[in-house]
PDB file of all heavy atoms in Angstrom:
ATOM      1  N   SER A   1      96.403 248.627 -10.798  1.00  0.00           N
ATOM      2  CA  SER A   1      96.017 249.094  -9.460  1.00  0.00           C
ATOM      3  C   SER A   1      94.602 248.671  -9.069  1.00  0.00           C
ATOM      4  O   SER A   1      94.168 248.905  -7.935  1.00  0.00           O
ATOM      5  CB  SER A   1      96.124 250.625  -9.389  1.00  0.00           C
ATOM      6  OG  SER A   1      95.149 251.227 -10.237  1.00  0.00           O
ATOM      7  N   THR A   2      93.875 248.057  -9.993  1.00  0.00           N
ATOM      8  CA  THR A   2      92.502 247.646  -9.703  1.00  0.00           C
ATOM      9  C   THR A   2      92.486 246.599  -8.594  1.00  0.00           C
ATOM     10  O   THR A   2      93.232 245.618  -8.634  1.00  0.00           O
ATOM     11  CB  THR A   2      91.833 247.061 -10.963  1.00  0.00           C
ATOM     12  OG1 THR A   2      91.851 248.051 -11.997  1.00  0.00           O
ATOM     13  CG2 THR A   2      90.402 246.644 -10.680  1.00  0.00           C
ATOM     14  N   SER A   3      91.646 246.806  -7.605  1.00  0.00           N
ATOM     15  CA  SER A   3      91.538 245.877  -6.478  1.00  0.00           C
ATOM     16  C   SER A   3      90.222 245.098  -6.564  1.00  0.00           C
ATOM     17  O   SER A   3      89.263 245.513  -7.217  1.00  0.00           O
ATOM     18  CB  SER A   3      91.617 246.627  -5.146  1.00  0.00           C
ATOM     19  OG  SER A   3      90.653 247.672  -5.111  1.00  0.00           O
ATOM     20  N   ILE A   4      90.200 243.951  -5.900  1.00  0.00           N
ATOM     21  CA  ILE A   4      89.020 243.096  -5.854  1.00  0.00           C
ATOM     22  C   ILE A   4      88.507 243.080  -4.423  1.00  0.00           C
ATOM     23  O   ILE A   4      89.245 242.749  -3.487  1.00  0.00           O
ATOM     24  CB  ILE A   4      89.355 241.664  -6.322  1.00  0.00           C
ATOM     25  CG1 ILE A   4      89.844 241.673  -7.774  1.00  0.00           C
ATOM     26  CG2 ILE A   4      88.144 240.739  -6.163  1.00  0.00           C
ATOM     27  CD1 ILE A   4      90.376 240.313  -8.243  1.00  0.00           C
ATOM     28  N   HIS A   5      87.235 243.434  -4.230  1.00  0.00           N
ATOM     29  CA  HIS A   5      86.634 243.526  -2.899  1.00  0.00           C
ATOM     30  C   HIS A   5      85.557 242.449  -2.760  1.00  0.00           C
ATOM     31  O   HIS A   5      84.648 242.355  -3.591  1.00  0.00           O
ATOM     32  CB  HIS A   5      86.008 244.904  -2.683  1.00  0.00           C
ATOM     33  CG  HIS A   5      87.006 246.019  -2.696  1.00  0.00           C
ATOM     34  ND1 HIS A   5      87.382 246.709  -1.566  1.00  0.00           N
ATOM     35  CD2 HIS A   5      87.727 246.560  -3.722  1.00  0.00           C
ATOM     36  CE1 HIS A   5      88.286 247.629  -1.891  1.00  0.00           C
ATOM     37  NE2 HIS A   5      88.504 247.560  -3.205  1.00  0.00           N
ATOM     38  N   LEU A   6      85.659 241.659  -1.690  1.00  0.00           N
ATOM     39  CA  LEU A   6      84.695 240.586  -1.428  1.00  0.00           C
ATOM     40  C   LEU A   6      83.865 240.935  -0.197  1.00  0.00           C
ATOM     41  O   LEU A   6      84.385 241.493   0.781  1.00  0.00           O
ATOM     42  CB  LEU A   6      85.424 239.261  -1.194  1.00  0.00           C
ATOM     43  CG  LEU A   6      86.448 238.834  -2.255  1.00  0.00           C
ATOM     44  CD1 LEU A   6      87.108 237.529  -1.838  1.00  0.00           C
ATOM     45  CD2 LEU A   6      85.778 238.682  -3.621  1.00  0.00           C
ATOM     46  N   SER A   7      82.582 240.570  -0.213  1.00  0.00           N
ATOM     47  CA  SER A   7      81.703 240.921   0.905  1.00  0.00           C
ATOM     48  C   SER A   7      81.802 239.940   2.069  1.00  0.00           C
ATOM     49  O   SER A   7      81.142 240.107   3.084  1.00  0.00           O
ATOM     50  CB  SER A   7      80.247 240.990   0.431  1.00  0.00           C
ATOM     51  OG  SER A   7      79.795 239.711   0.008  1.00  0.00           O
ATOM     52  N   GLY A   8      82.613 238.906   1.923  1.00  0.00           N
ATOM     53  CA  GLY A   8      82.782 237.942   3.005  1.00  0.00           C
ATOM     54  C   GLY A   8      84.041 237.129   2.777  1.00  0.00           C
ATOM     55  O   GLY A   8      84.656 237.194   1.710  1.00  0.00           O
ATOM     56  N   ASP A   9      84.426 236.361   3.810  1.00  0.00           N
ATOM     57  CA  ASP A   9      85.667 235.596   3.715  1.00  0.00           C
ATOM     58  C   ASP A   9      85.420 234.091   3.719  1.00  0.00           C
ATOM     59  O   ASP A   9      86.295 233.309   4.093  1.00  0.00           O
ATOM     60  CB  ASP A   9      86.620 235.973   4.843  1.00  0.00           C
ATOM     61  CG  ASP A   9      86.033 235.702   6.228  1.00  0.00           C
ATOM     62  OD1 ASP A   9      84.866 235.266   6.306  1.00  0.00           O
ATOM     63  OD2 ASP A   9      86.754 235.907   7.227  1.00  0.00           O
ATOM     64  N   SER A  10      84.233 233.662   3.307  1.00  0.00           N
ATOM     65  CA  SER A  10      83.947 232.231   3.216  1.00  0.00           C
ATOM     66  C   SER A  10      84.833 231.603   2.137  1.00  0.00           C
ATOM     67  O   SER A  10      85.418 232.302   1.300  1.00  0.00           O
ATOM     68  CB  SER A  10      82.477 232.004   2.863  1.00  0.00           C
ATOM     69  OG  SER A  10      82.208 232.472   1.550  1.00  0.00           O
ATOM     70  N   GLU A  11      84.933 230.277   2.169  1.00  0.00           N
ATOM     71  CA  GLU A  11      85.727 229.583   1.154  1.00  0.00           C
ATOM     72  C   GLU A  11      85.210 229.887  -0.244  1.00  0.00           C
ATOM     73  O   GLU A  11      85.993 230.065  -1.188  1.00  0.00           O
ATOM     74  CB  GLU A  11      85.706 228.071   1.403  1.00  0.00           C
ATOM     75  CG  GLU A  11      86.555 227.631   2.581  1.00  0.00           C
ATOM     76  CD  GLU A  11      86.651 226.121   2.688  1.00  0.00           C
ATOM     77  OE1 GLU A  11      86.329 225.429   1.702  1.00  0.00           O
ATOM     78  OE2 GLU A  11      87.042 225.624   3.759  1.00  0.00           O
ATOM     79  N   GLU A  12      83.873 229.946  -0.387  1.00  0.00           N
ATOM     80  CA  GLU A  12      83.283 230.250  -1.702  1.00  0.00           C
ATOM     81  C   GLU A  12      83.715 231.623  -2.178  1.00  0.00           C
ATOM     82  O   GLU A  12      84.077 231.801  -3.344  1.00  0.00           O
ATOM     83  CB  GLU A  12      81.756 230.188  -1.619  1.00  0.00           C
ATOM     84  CG  GLU A  12      81.168 228.794  -1.688  1.00  0.00           C
ATOM     85  CD  GLU A  12      79.657 228.822  -1.778  1.00  0.00           C
ATOM     86  OE1 GLU A  12      79.039 229.642  -1.062  1.00  0.00           O
ATOM     87  OE2 GLU A  12      79.086 228.019  -2.543  1.00  0.00           O
ATOM     88  N   MET A  13      83.671 232.600  -1.284  1.00  0.00           N
ATOM     89  CA  MET A  13      84.029 233.955  -1.684  1.00  0.00           C
ATOM     90  C   MET A  13      85.525 234.060  -1.980  1.00  0.00           C
ATOM     91  O   MET A  13      85.926 234.712  -2.950  1.00  0.00           O
ATOM     92  CB  MET A  13      83.634 234.942  -0.581  1.00  0.00           C
ATOM     93  CG  MET A  13      82.134 235.110  -0.405  1.00  0.00           C
ATOM     94  SD  MET A  13      81.286 235.722  -1.895  1.00  0.00           S
ATOM     95  CE  MET A  13      81.927 237.383  -1.976  1.00  0.00           C
ATOM     96  N   GLN A  14      86.337 233.409  -1.172  1.00  0.00           N
ATOM     97  CA  GLN A  14      87.771 233.448  -1.438  1.00  0.00           C
ATOM     98  C   GLN A  14      88.101 232.814  -2.784  1.00  0.00           C
ATOM     99  O   GLN A  14      88.945 233.327  -3.530  1.00  0.00           O
ATOM    100  CB  GLN A  14      88.524 232.734  -0.313  1.00  0.00           C
ATOM    101  CG  GLN A  14      88.496 233.481   1.011  1.00  0.00           C
ATOM    102  CD  GLN A  14      89.327 232.798   2.079  1.00  0.00           C
ATOM    103  OE1 GLN A  14      90.505 232.517   1.857  1.00  0.00           O
ATOM    104  NE2 GLN A  14      88.730 232.537   3.232  1.00  0.00           N
ATOM    105  N   PHE A  15      87.428 231.711  -3.086  1.00  0.00           N
ATOM    106  CA  PHE A  15      87.647 231.085  -4.395  1.00  0.00           C
ATOM    107  C   PHE A  15      87.256 232.038  -5.514  1.00  0.00           C
ATOM    108  O   PHE A  15      87.975 232.167  -6.526  1.00  0.00           O
ATOM    109  CB  PHE A  15      86.860 229.785  -4.524  1.00  0.00           C
ATOM    110  CG  PHE A  15      86.893 229.214  -5.917  1.00  0.00           C
ATOM    111  CD1 PHE A  15      88.010 228.530  -6.372  1.00  0.00           C
ATOM    112  CD2 PHE A  15      85.830 229.395  -6.794  1.00  0.00           C
ATOM    113  CE1 PHE A  15      88.066 228.020  -7.668  1.00  0.00           C
ATOM    114  CE2 PHE A  15      85.867 228.893  -8.088  1.00  0.00           C
ATOM    115  CZ  PHE A  15      86.985 228.203  -8.517  1.00  0.00           C
ATOM    116  N   LEU A  16      86.123 232.732  -5.365  1.00  0.00           N
ATOM    117  CA  LEU A  16      85.679 233.670  -6.397  1.00  0.00           C
ATOM    118  C   LEU A  16      86.706 234.773  -6.617  1.00  0.00           C
ATOM    119  O   LEU A  16      86.988 235.157  -7.760  1.00  0.00           O
ATOM    120  CB  LEU A  16      84.336 234.281  -6.004  1.00  0.00           C
ATOM    121  CG  LEU A  16      83.086 233.511  -6.423  1.00  0.00           C
ATOM    122  CD1 LEU A  16      81.847 234.114  -5.761  1.00  0.00           C
ATOM    123  CD2 LEU A  16      82.933 233.515  -7.929  1.00  0.00           C
ATOM    124  N   GLY A  17      87.249 235.295  -5.534  1.00  0.00           N
ATOM    125  CA  GLY A  17      88.263 236.339  -5.665  1.00  0.00           C
ATOM    126  C   GLY A  17      89.490 235.847  -6.412  1.00  0.00           C
ATOM    127  O   GLY A  17      90.014 236.527  -7.311  1.00  0.00           O
ATOM    128  N   GLU A  18      89.957 234.653  -6.048  1.00  0.00           N
ATOM    129  CA  GLU A  18      91.129 234.087  -6.720  1.00  0.00           C
ATOM    130  C   GLU A  18      90.826 233.746  -8.175  1.00  0.00           C
ATOM    131  O   GLU A  18      91.670 233.924  -9.063  1.00  0.00           O
ATOM    132  CB  GLU A  18      91.583 232.840  -5.956  1.00  0.00           C
ATOM    133  CG  GLU A  18      92.121 233.158  -4.566  1.00  0.00           C
ATOM    134  CD  GLU A  18      92.227 231.931  -3.684  1.00  0.00           C
ATOM    135  OE1 GLU A  18      91.913 230.819  -4.175  1.00  0.00           O
ATOM    136  OE2 GLU A  18      92.620 232.082  -2.511  1.00  0.00           O
ATOM    137  N   TYR A  19      89.615 233.244  -8.424  1.00  0.00           N
ATOM    138  CA  TYR A  19      89.199 232.889  -9.784  1.00  0.00           C
ATOM    139  C   TYR A  19      89.196 234.130 -10.677  1.00  0.00           C
ATOM    140  O   TYR A  19      89.718 234.114 -11.796  1.00  0.00           O
ATOM    141  CB  TYR A  19      87.816 232.254  -9.723  1.00  0.00           C
ATOM    142  CG  TYR A  19      87.257 231.757 -11.035  1.00  0.00           C
ATOM    143  CD1 TYR A  19      87.482 230.447 -11.455  1.00  0.00           C
ATOM    144  CD2 TYR A  19      86.466 232.578 -11.836  1.00  0.00           C
ATOM    145  CE1 TYR A  19      86.950 229.972 -12.644  1.00  0.00           C
ATOM    146  CE2 TYR A  19      85.938 232.118 -13.027  1.00  0.00           C
ATOM    147  CZ  TYR A  19      86.180 230.816 -13.425  1.00  0.00           C
ATOM    148  OH  TYR A  19      85.650 230.351 -14.621  1.00  0.00           O
ATOM    149  N   LEU A  20      88.604 235.222 -10.159  1.00  0.00           N
ATOM    150  CA  LEU A  20      88.573 236.461 -10.926  1.00  0.00           C
ATOM    151  C   LEU A  20      89.981 237.003 -11.135  1.00  0.00           C
ATOM    152  O   LEU A  20      90.327 237.459 -12.244  1.00  0.00           O
ATOM    153  CB  LEU A  20      87.706 237.495 -10.209  1.00  0.00           C
ATOM    154  CG  LEU A  20      87.650 238.887 -10.838  1.00  0.00           C
ATOM    155  CD1 LEU A  20      87.151 238.826 -12.280  1.00  0.00           C
ATOM    156  CD2 LEU A  20      86.758 239.818 -10.009  1.00  0.00           C
ATOM    157  N   ASN A  21      90.800 236.942 -10.121  1.00  0.00           N
ATOM    158  CA  ASN A  21      92.185 237.409 -10.253  1.00  0.00           C
ATOM    159  C   ASN A  21      92.915 236.637 -11.352  1.00  0.00           C
ATOM    160  O   ASN A  21      93.633 237.217 -12.167  1.00  0.00           O
ATOM    161  CB  ASN A  21      92.918 237.255  -8.922  1.00  0.00           C
ATOM    162  CG  ASN A  21      94.370 237.688  -9.004  1.00  0.00           C
ATOM    163  OD1 ASN A  21      94.671 238.854  -9.246  1.00  0.00           O
ATOM    164  ND2 ASN A  21      95.277 236.742  -8.820  1.00  0.00           N
ATOM    165  N   ASP A  22      92.707 235.314 -11.401  1.00  0.00           N
ATOM    166  CA  ASP A  22      93.348 234.505 -12.443  1.00  0.00           C
ATOM    167  C   ASP A  22      92.867 234.919 -13.834  1.00  0.00           C
ATOM    168  O   ASP A  22      93.644 234.933 -14.792  1.00  0.00           O
ATOM    169  CB  ASP A  22      93.049 233.030 -12.217  1.00  0.00           C
ATOM    170  CG  ASP A  22      93.809 232.451 -11.029  1.00  0.00           C
ATOM    171  OD1 ASP A  22      94.767 233.091 -10.577  1.00  0.00           O
ATOM    172  OD2 ASP A  22      93.423 231.364 -10.553  1.00  0.00           O
ATOM    173  N   LEU A  23      91.570 235.244 -13.944  1.00  0.00           N
ATOM    174  CA  LEU A  23      91.013 235.627 -15.246  1.00  0.00           C
ATOM    175  C   LEU A  23      91.631 236.915 -15.777  1.00  0.00           C
ATOM    176  O   LEU A  23      91.853 237.053 -16.979  1.00  0.00           O
ATOM    177  CB  LEU A  23      89.489 235.789 -15.142  1.00  0.00           C
ATOM    178  CG  LEU A  23      88.648 234.518 -15.093  1.00  0.00           C
ATOM    179  CD1 LEU A  23      87.178 234.869 -14.882  1.00  0.00           C
ATOM    180  CD2 LEU A  23      88.800 233.705 -16.375  1.00  0.00           C
ATOM    181  N   ILE A  24      91.884 237.867 -14.891  1.00  0.00           N
ATOM    182  CA  ILE A  24      92.358 239.176 -15.360  1.00  0.00           C
ATOM    183  C   ILE A  24      93.882 239.320 -15.277  1.00  0.00           C
ATOM    184  O   ILE A  24      94.425 240.362 -15.664  1.00  0.00           O
ATOM    185  CB  ILE A  24      91.672 240.331 -14.592  1.00  0.00           C
ATOM    186  CG1 ILE A  24      91.990 240.263 -13.096  1.00  0.00           C
ATOM    187  CG2 ILE A  24      90.156 240.286 -14.820  1.00  0.00           C
ATOM    188  CD1 ILE A  24      91.378 241.421 -12.286  1.00  0.00           C
ATOM    189  N   TYR A  25      94.562 238.281 -14.818  1.00  0.00           N
ATOM    190  CA  TYR A  25      96.016 238.358 -14.662  1.00  0.00           C
ATOM    191  C   TYR A  25      96.714 238.674 -15.985  1.00  0.00           C
ATOM    192  O   TYR A  25      97.654 239.480 -16.031  1.00  0.00           O
ATOM    193  CB  TYR A  25      96.542 237.049 -14.074  1.00  0.00           C
ATOM    194  CG  TYR A  25      98.050 236.982 -14.002  1.00  0.00           C
ATOM    195  CD1 TYR A  25      98.752 237.682 -13.019  1.00  0.00           C
ATOM    196  CD2 TYR A  25      98.779 236.231 -14.925  1.00  0.00           C
ATOM    197  CE1 TYR A  25     100.137 237.629 -12.951  1.00  0.00           C
ATOM    198  CE2 TYR A  25     100.165 236.170 -14.859  1.00  0.00           C
ATOM    199  CZ  TYR A  25     100.838 236.873 -13.884  1.00  0.00           C
ATOM    200  OH  TYR A  25     102.208 236.826 -13.822  1.00  0.00           O
ATOM    201  N   SER A  26      96.244 238.056 -17.057  1.00  0.00           N
ATOM    202  CA  SER A  26      96.900 238.276 -18.351  1.00  0.00           C
ATOM    203  C   SER A  26      96.804 239.717 -18.826  1.00  0.00           C
ATOM    204  O   SER A  26      97.588 240.158 -19.663  1.00  0.00           O
ATOM    205  CB  SER A  26      96.291 237.349 -19.410  1.00  0.00           C
ATOM    206  OG  SER A  26      96.682 236.021 -19.175  1.00  0.00           O
ATOM    207  N   ALA A  27      95.839 240.455 -18.298  1.00  0.00           N
ATOM    208  CA  ALA A  27      95.679 241.849 -18.717  1.00  0.00           C
ATOM    209  C   ALA A  27      96.708 242.766 -18.066  1.00  0.00           C
ATOM    210  O   ALA A  27      97.131 243.754 -18.666  1.00  0.00           O
ATOM    211  CB  ALA A  27      94.266 242.335 -18.372  1.00  0.00           C
ATOM    212  N   THR A  28      97.108 242.437 -16.849  1.00  0.00           N
ATOM    213  CA  THR A  28      97.892 243.407 -16.071  1.00  0.00           C
ATOM    214  C   THR A  28      99.246 242.892 -15.600  1.00  0.00           C
ATOM    215  O   THR A  28     100.046 243.666 -15.085  1.00  0.00           O
ATOM    216  CB  THR A  28      97.088 243.846 -14.833  1.00  0.00           C
ATOM    217  OG1 THR A  28      96.811 242.683 -14.036  1.00  0.00           O
ATOM    218  CG2 THR A  28      95.781 244.512 -15.235  1.00  0.00           C
ATOM    219  N   TRP A  29      99.487 241.606 -15.718  1.00  0.00           N
ATOM    220  CA  TRP A  29     100.744 240.993 -15.274  1.00  0.00           C
ATOM    221  C   TRP A  29     100.914 241.053 -13.755  1.00  0.00           C
ATOM    222  O   TRP A  29     102.015 240.855 -13.252  1.00  0.00           O
ATOM    223  CB  TRP A  29     101.955 241.648 -15.927  1.00  0.00           C
ATOM    224  CG  TRP A  29     102.090 241.462 -17.409  1.00  0.00           C
ATOM    225  CD1 TRP A  29     101.199 241.817 -18.369  1.00  0.00           C
ATOM    226  CD2 TRP A  29     103.195 240.878 -18.097  1.00  0.00           C
ATOM    227  NE1 TRP A  29     101.655 241.500 -19.614  1.00  0.00           N
ATOM    228  CE2 TRP A  29     102.902 240.924 -19.487  1.00  0.00           C
ATOM    229  CE3 TRP A  29     104.414 240.338 -17.703  1.00  0.00           C
ATOM    230  CZ2 TRP A  29     103.766 240.441 -20.456  1.00  0.00           C
ATOM    231  CZ3 TRP A  29     105.281 239.858 -18.663  1.00  0.00           C
ATOM    232  CH2 TRP A  29     104.954 239.909 -20.036  1.00  0.00           C
ATOM    233  N   VAL A  30      99.875 241.325 -13.005  1.00  0.00           N
ATOM    234  CA  VAL A  30     100.005 241.385 -11.546  1.00  0.00           C
ATOM    235  C   VAL A  30      98.887 240.574 -10.904  1.00  0.00           C
ATOM    236  O   VAL A  30      97.807 240.373 -11.488  1.00  0.00           O
ATOM    237  CB  VAL A  30      99.928 242.837 -11.013  1.00  0.00           C
ATOM    238  CG1 VAL A  30     101.032 243.688 -11.611  1.00  0.00           C
ATOM    239  CG2 VAL A  30      98.560 243.451 -11.272  1.00  0.00           C
ATOM    240  N   ASN A  31      99.146 240.106  -9.691  1.00  0.00           N
ATOM    241  CA  ASN A  31      98.089 239.548  -8.861  1.00  0.00           C
ATOM    242  C   ASN A  31      97.421 240.708  -8.131  1.00  0.00           C
ATOM    243  O   ASN A  31      98.084 241.447  -7.392  1.00  0.00           O
ATOM    244  CB  ASN A  31      98.665 238.543  -7.856  1.00  0.00           C
ATOM    245  CG  ASN A  31      99.030 237.238  -8.532  1.00  0.00           C
ATOM    246  OD1 ASN A  31      98.238 236.682  -9.279  1.00  0.00           O
ATOM    247  ND2 ASN A  31     100.243 236.757  -8.260  1.00  0.00           N
ATOM    248  N   HIS A  32      96.149 240.865  -8.356  1.00  0.00           N
ATOM    249  CA  HIS A  32      95.446 242.026  -7.817  1.00  0.00           C
ATOM    250  C   HIS A  32      95.166 241.858  -6.325  1.00  0.00           C
ATOM    251  O   HIS A  32      94.967 240.743  -5.825  1.00  0.00           O
ATOM    252  CB  HIS A  32      94.139 242.235  -8.579  1.00  0.00           C
ATOM    253  CG  HIS A  32      94.358 242.640  -9.994  1.00  0.00           C
ATOM    254  ND1 HIS A  32      94.259 243.934 -10.430  1.00  0.00           N
ATOM    255  CD2 HIS A  32      94.731 241.917 -11.088  1.00  0.00           C
ATOM    256  CE1 HIS A  32      94.533 243.999 -11.724  1.00  0.00           C
ATOM    257  NE2 HIS A  32      94.833 242.778 -12.143  1.00  0.00           N
ATOM    258  N   THR A  33      95.144 242.971  -5.635  1.00  0.00           N
ATOM    259  CA  THR A  33      94.829 242.952  -4.211  1.00  0.00           C
ATOM    260  C   THR A  33      93.406 242.446  -4.012  1.00  0.00           C
ATOM    261  O   THR A  33      92.452 242.928  -4.636  1.00  0.00           O
ATOM    262  CB  THR A  33      94.961 244.363  -3.614  1.00  0.00           C
ATOM    263  OG1 THR A  33      96.299 244.818  -3.782  1.00  0.00           O
ATOM    264  CG2 THR A  33      94.580 244.371  -2.139  1.00  0.00           C
ATOM    265  N   ILE A  34      93.254 241.444  -3.149  1.00  0.00           N
ATOM    266  CA  ILE A  34      91.931 240.920  -2.795  1.00  0.00           C
ATOM    267  C   ILE A  34      91.677 241.272  -1.340  1.00  0.00           C
ATOM    268  O   ILE A  34      92.459 240.911  -0.455  1.00  0.00           O
ATOM    269  CB  ILE A  34      91.860 239.395  -3.009  1.00  0.00           C
ATOM    270  CG1 ILE A  34      92.140 239.039  -4.472  1.00  0.00           C
ATOM    271  CG2 ILE A  34      90.492 238.864  -2.580  1.00  0.00           C
ATOM    272  CD1 ILE A  34      92.212 237.546  -4.740  1.00  0.00           C
TER     273      ILE A  34
END
């Protein structure tokens, strides 16, 4: 249920959100809400 919150929607920030989601995917088996 852990969500990822970004302070902006720039390409850099969107990449960071997706990058972090990929890193923690193996822990939870889900794509986290960004």
